[in-house]
């Protein structure tokens, strides 16, 4: 198997992981927007849930950015196809 095909396979795996993370990030963002509804009484906000989802969102955004950087490096290594 050629090295080029190996790198293409790794790129596809990373693309899929990035797409899955992106969907999860969108879901967490939407969930936080609902939890932090400006039309509800602030004492009704569940701070533990907001904290948990915020940390999870931040972690996934960092991992997403790392994956996108890895994909960019693979693209650079592969050159024009």
N, C-alpha and C. Protein backbone atom coordinates (compact mmCIF):
# COMPACT_ATOMS: atom_id res chain seq x y z
N UNK A 1 0.85 -1.17 0.00
CA UNK A 1 0.00 0.00 0.00
C UNK A 1 0.89 1.23 0.00
N UNK A 2 0.55 2.19 -0.79
CA UNK A 2 1.41 3.36 -0.89
C UNK A 2 1.20 4.29 0.31
N UNK A 3 2.23 5.03 0.59
CA UNK A 3 2.17 5.99 1.70
C UNK A 3 1.08 7.03 1.47
N UNK A 4 0.90 7.40 0.22
CA UNK A 4 -0.12 8.38 -0.13
C UNK A 4 -1.52 7.90 0.29
N UNK A 5 -1.81 6.63 0.02
CA UNK A 5 -3.11 6.08 0.39
C UNK A 5 -3.29 6.00 1.91
N UNK A 6 -2.21 5.72 2.61
CA UNK A 6 -2.27 5.68 4.08
C UNK A 6 -2.65 7.06 4.61
N UNK A 7 -1.99 8.10 4.08
CA UNK A 7 -2.28 9.46 4.53
C UNK A 7 -3.71 9.88 4.16
N UNK A 8 -4.17 9.45 2.99
CA UNK A 8 -5.56 9.76 2.61
C UNK A 8 -6.55 9.11 3.58
N UNK A 9 -6.25 7.88 3.98
CA UNK A 9 -7.11 7.18 4.93
C UNK A 9 -7.12 7.88 6.28
N UNK A 10 -5.96 8.32 6.73
CA UNK A 10 -5.89 9.04 8.00
C UNK A 10 -6.65 10.36 7.92
N UNK A 11 -6.54 11.01 6.77
CA UNK A 11 -7.25 12.28 6.59
C UNK A 11 -8.76 12.05 6.66
N UNK A 12 -9.24 10.99 6.01
CA UNK A 12 -10.67 10.70 6.04
C UNK A 12 -11.15 10.40 7.46
N UNK A 13 -10.35 9.66 8.23
CA UNK A 13 -10.70 9.37 9.61
C UNK A 13 -10.79 10.66 10.43
N UNK A 14 -9.84 11.55 10.23
CA UNK A 14 -9.83 12.81 10.96
C UNK A 14 -10.98 13.72 10.50
N UNK A 15 -11.29 13.70 9.21
CA UNK A 15 -12.44 14.47 8.70
C UNK A 15 -13.74 13.99 9.36
N UNK A 16 -13.91 12.68 9.45
CA UNK A 16 -15.11 12.12 10.06
C UNK A 16 -15.18 12.51 11.55
N UNK A 17 -14.07 12.39 12.25
CA UNK A 17 -14.04 12.76 13.67
C UNK A 17 -14.35 14.24 13.85
N UNK A 18 -13.83 15.08 12.96
CA UNK A 18 -14.10 16.52 13.04
C UNK A 18 -15.58 16.82 12.78
N UNK A 19 -16.17 16.14 11.82
CA UNK A 19 -17.60 16.34 11.55
C UNK A 19 -18.45 15.93 12.76
N UNK A 20 -18.09 14.81 13.39
CA UNK A 20 -18.83 14.35 14.56
C UNK A 20 -18.68 15.34 15.71
N UNK A 21 -17.46 15.83 15.91
CA UNK A 21 -17.25 16.83 16.97
C UNK A 21 -18.04 18.10 16.67
N UNK A 22 -18.06 18.52 15.43
CA UNK A 22 -18.79 19.72 15.06
C UNK A 22 -20.28 19.58 15.38
N UNK A 23 -20.85 18.44 15.08
CA UNK A 23 -22.26 18.21 15.39
C UNK A 23 -22.49 18.24 16.90
N UNK A 24 -21.58 17.65 17.66
CA UNK A 24 -21.70 17.65 19.11
C UNK A 24 -21.57 19.07 19.67
N UNK A 25 -20.65 19.85 19.09
CA UNK A 25 -20.46 21.25 19.51
C UNK A 25 -21.74 22.04 19.26
N UNK A 26 -22.35 21.85 18.11
CA UNK A 26 -23.59 22.56 17.79
C UNK A 26 -24.69 22.18 18.79
N UNK A 27 -24.79 20.90 19.11
CA UNK A 27 -25.79 20.45 20.08
C UNK A 27 -25.58 21.04 21.46
N UNK A 28 -24.32 21.08 21.90
CA UNK A 28 -24.02 21.66 23.21
C UNK A 28 -24.30 23.17 23.22
N UNK A 29 -23.94 23.84 22.14
CA UNK A 29 -24.20 25.28 22.05
C UNK A 29 -25.70 25.55 22.16
N UNK A 30 -26.48 24.78 21.42
CA UNK A 30 -27.93 24.97 21.44
C UNK A 30 -28.51 24.66 22.82
N UNK A 31 -28.00 23.62 23.45
CA UNK A 31 -28.47 23.25 24.78
C UNK A 31 -28.15 24.34 25.79
N UNK A 32 -26.95 24.90 25.71
CA UNK A 32 -26.59 25.99 26.62
C UNK A 32 -27.46 27.23 26.39
N UNK A 33 -27.77 27.50 25.15
CA UNK A 33 -28.64 28.65 24.86
C UNK A 33 -30.01 28.46 25.50
N UNK A 34 -30.50 27.23 25.49
CA UNK A 34 -31.80 26.95 26.12
C UNK A 34 -31.69 27.07 27.63
N UNK A 35 -30.60 26.51 28.19
CA UNK A 35 -30.41 26.56 29.65
C UNK A 35 -30.26 28.00 30.15
N UNK A 36 -29.64 28.84 29.33
CA UNK A 36 -29.37 30.23 29.74
C UNK A 36 -30.39 31.20 29.14
N UNK A 37 -31.59 30.75 29.00
CA UNK A 37 -32.69 31.54 28.45
C UNK A 37 -32.83 32.84 29.25
N UNK A 38 -32.73 33.99 28.59
CA UNK A 38 -32.82 35.26 29.33
C UNK A 38 -34.22 35.56 29.86
N UNK A 39 -35.20 34.77 29.48
CA UNK A 39 -36.58 35.03 29.90
C UNK A 39 -36.99 34.21 31.12
N UNK A 40 -36.06 33.45 31.68
CA UNK A 40 -36.40 32.71 32.90
C UNK A 40 -35.70 33.37 34.09
N UNK A 41 -36.20 33.07 35.25
CA UNK A 41 -35.62 33.60 36.49
C UNK A 41 -34.23 32.96 36.68
N UNK A 42 -33.19 33.76 36.91
CA UNK A 42 -31.84 33.22 37.04
C UNK A 42 -31.69 32.14 38.12
N UNK A 43 -32.52 32.18 39.14
CA UNK A 43 -32.41 31.15 40.19
C UNK A 43 -32.88 29.79 39.69
N UNK A 44 -33.57 29.76 38.55
CA UNK A 44 -34.03 28.50 37.98
C UNK A 44 -32.95 27.81 37.14
N UNK A 45 -31.85 28.50 36.90
CA UNK A 45 -30.76 27.93 36.10
C UNK A 45 -30.05 26.86 36.92
N UNK A 46 -29.79 25.73 36.31
CA UNK A 46 -29.05 24.64 36.96
C UNK A 46 -27.56 24.87 36.75
N UNK A 47 -26.86 25.43 37.74
CA UNK A 47 -25.46 25.79 37.55
C UNK A 47 -24.55 24.59 37.30
N UNK A 48 -24.87 23.45 37.87
CA UNK A 48 -24.04 22.27 37.67
C UNK A 48 -24.13 21.80 36.22
N UNK A 49 -25.32 21.78 35.68
CA UNK A 49 -25.50 21.36 34.29
C UNK A 49 -24.85 22.35 33.33
N UNK A 50 -25.02 23.64 33.60
CA UNK A 50 -24.40 24.67 32.75
C UNK A 50 -22.88 24.53 32.80
N UNK A 51 -22.34 24.32 33.99
CA UNK A 51 -20.89 24.16 34.13
C UNK A 51 -20.40 22.93 33.37
N UNK A 52 -21.09 21.82 33.55
CA UNK A 52 -20.68 20.57 32.89
C UNK A 52 -20.70 20.74 31.37
N UNK A 53 -21.79 21.28 30.85
CA UNK A 53 -21.89 21.42 29.40
C UNK A 53 -20.91 22.46 28.86
N UNK A 54 -20.64 23.50 29.63
CA UNK A 54 -19.66 24.51 29.20
C UNK A 54 -18.27 23.93 29.09
N UNK A 55 -17.87 23.14 30.09
CA UNK A 55 -16.55 22.52 30.05
C UNK A 55 -16.46 21.51 28.91
N UNK A 56 -17.53 20.75 28.71
CA UNK A 56 -17.55 19.78 27.62
C UNK A 56 -17.45 20.49 26.26
N UNK A 57 -18.18 21.59 26.13
CA UNK A 57 -18.12 22.38 24.90
C UNK A 57 -16.71 22.91 24.65
N UNK A 58 -16.10 23.48 25.68
CA UNK A 58 -14.75 24.02 25.53
C UNK A 58 -13.76 22.93 25.14
N UNK A 59 -13.86 21.76 25.77
CA UNK A 59 -12.97 20.65 25.45
C UNK A 59 -13.14 20.21 24.00
N UNK A 60 -14.37 20.11 23.56
CA UNK A 60 -14.62 19.66 22.18
C UNK A 60 -14.18 20.69 21.16
N UNK A 61 -14.31 21.97 21.47
CA UNK A 61 -13.84 23.01 20.55
C UNK A 61 -12.32 22.92 20.41
N UNK A 62 -11.62 22.71 21.50
CA UNK A 62 -10.15 22.57 21.45
C UNK A 62 -9.78 21.36 20.61
N UNK A 63 -10.44 20.21 20.85
CA UNK A 63 -10.14 19.01 20.07
C UNK A 63 -10.48 19.20 18.59
N UNK A 64 -11.57 19.91 18.29
CA UNK A 64 -11.96 20.18 16.91
C UNK A 64 -10.87 21.01 16.21
N UNK A 65 -10.41 22.05 16.87
CA UNK A 65 -9.37 22.90 16.27
C UNK A 65 -8.08 22.12 16.05
N UNK A 66 -7.74 21.23 16.99
CA UNK A 66 -6.54 20.40 16.82
C UNK A 66 -6.69 19.48 15.62
N UNK A 67 -7.86 18.87 15.49
CA UNK A 67 -8.11 17.98 14.34
C UNK A 67 -8.02 18.73 13.02
N UNK A 68 -8.61 19.92 12.97
CA UNK A 68 -8.56 20.71 11.75
C UNK A 68 -7.11 21.08 11.39
N UNK A 69 -6.29 21.35 12.40
CA UNK A 69 -4.88 21.66 12.15
C UNK A 69 -4.16 20.42 11.62
N UNK A 70 -4.46 19.26 12.17
CA UNK A 70 -3.86 18.01 11.69
C UNK A 70 -4.27 17.74 10.24
N UNK A 71 -5.54 17.97 9.93
CA UNK A 71 -6.03 17.77 8.56
C UNK A 71 -5.31 18.72 7.61
N UNK A 72 -5.12 19.95 8.03
CA UNK A 72 -4.42 20.92 7.19
C UNK A 72 -2.98 20.47 6.94
N UNK A 73 -2.32 19.93 7.96
CA UNK A 73 -0.96 19.43 7.80
C UNK A 73 -0.91 18.24 6.84
N UNK A 74 -1.88 17.36 6.93
CA UNK A 74 -1.93 16.22 6.01
C UNK A 74 -2.13 16.72 4.59
N UNK A 75 -3.05 17.68 4.42
CA UNK A 75 -3.27 18.24 3.08
C UNK A 75 -1.98 18.84 2.53
N UNK A 76 -1.26 19.54 3.37
CA UNK A 76 -0.01 20.15 2.95
C UNK A 76 1.00 19.07 2.54
N UNK A 77 1.04 17.99 3.29
CA UNK A 77 1.98 16.89 2.99
C UNK A 77 1.60 16.17 1.71
N UNK A 78 0.29 16.02 1.48
CA UNK A 78 -0.16 15.32 0.28
C UNK A 78 0.07 16.13 -0.99
N UNK A 79 0.01 17.44 -0.85
CA UNK A 79 0.18 18.29 -2.02
C UNK A 79 -1.04 18.21 -2.91
N UNK A 80 -0.94 18.79 -4.09
CA UNK A 80 -2.10 18.76 -5.00
C UNK A 80 -2.38 17.33 -5.46
N UNK A 81 -3.67 17.01 -5.47
CA UNK A 81 -4.05 15.64 -5.87
C UNK A 81 -4.46 15.61 -7.32
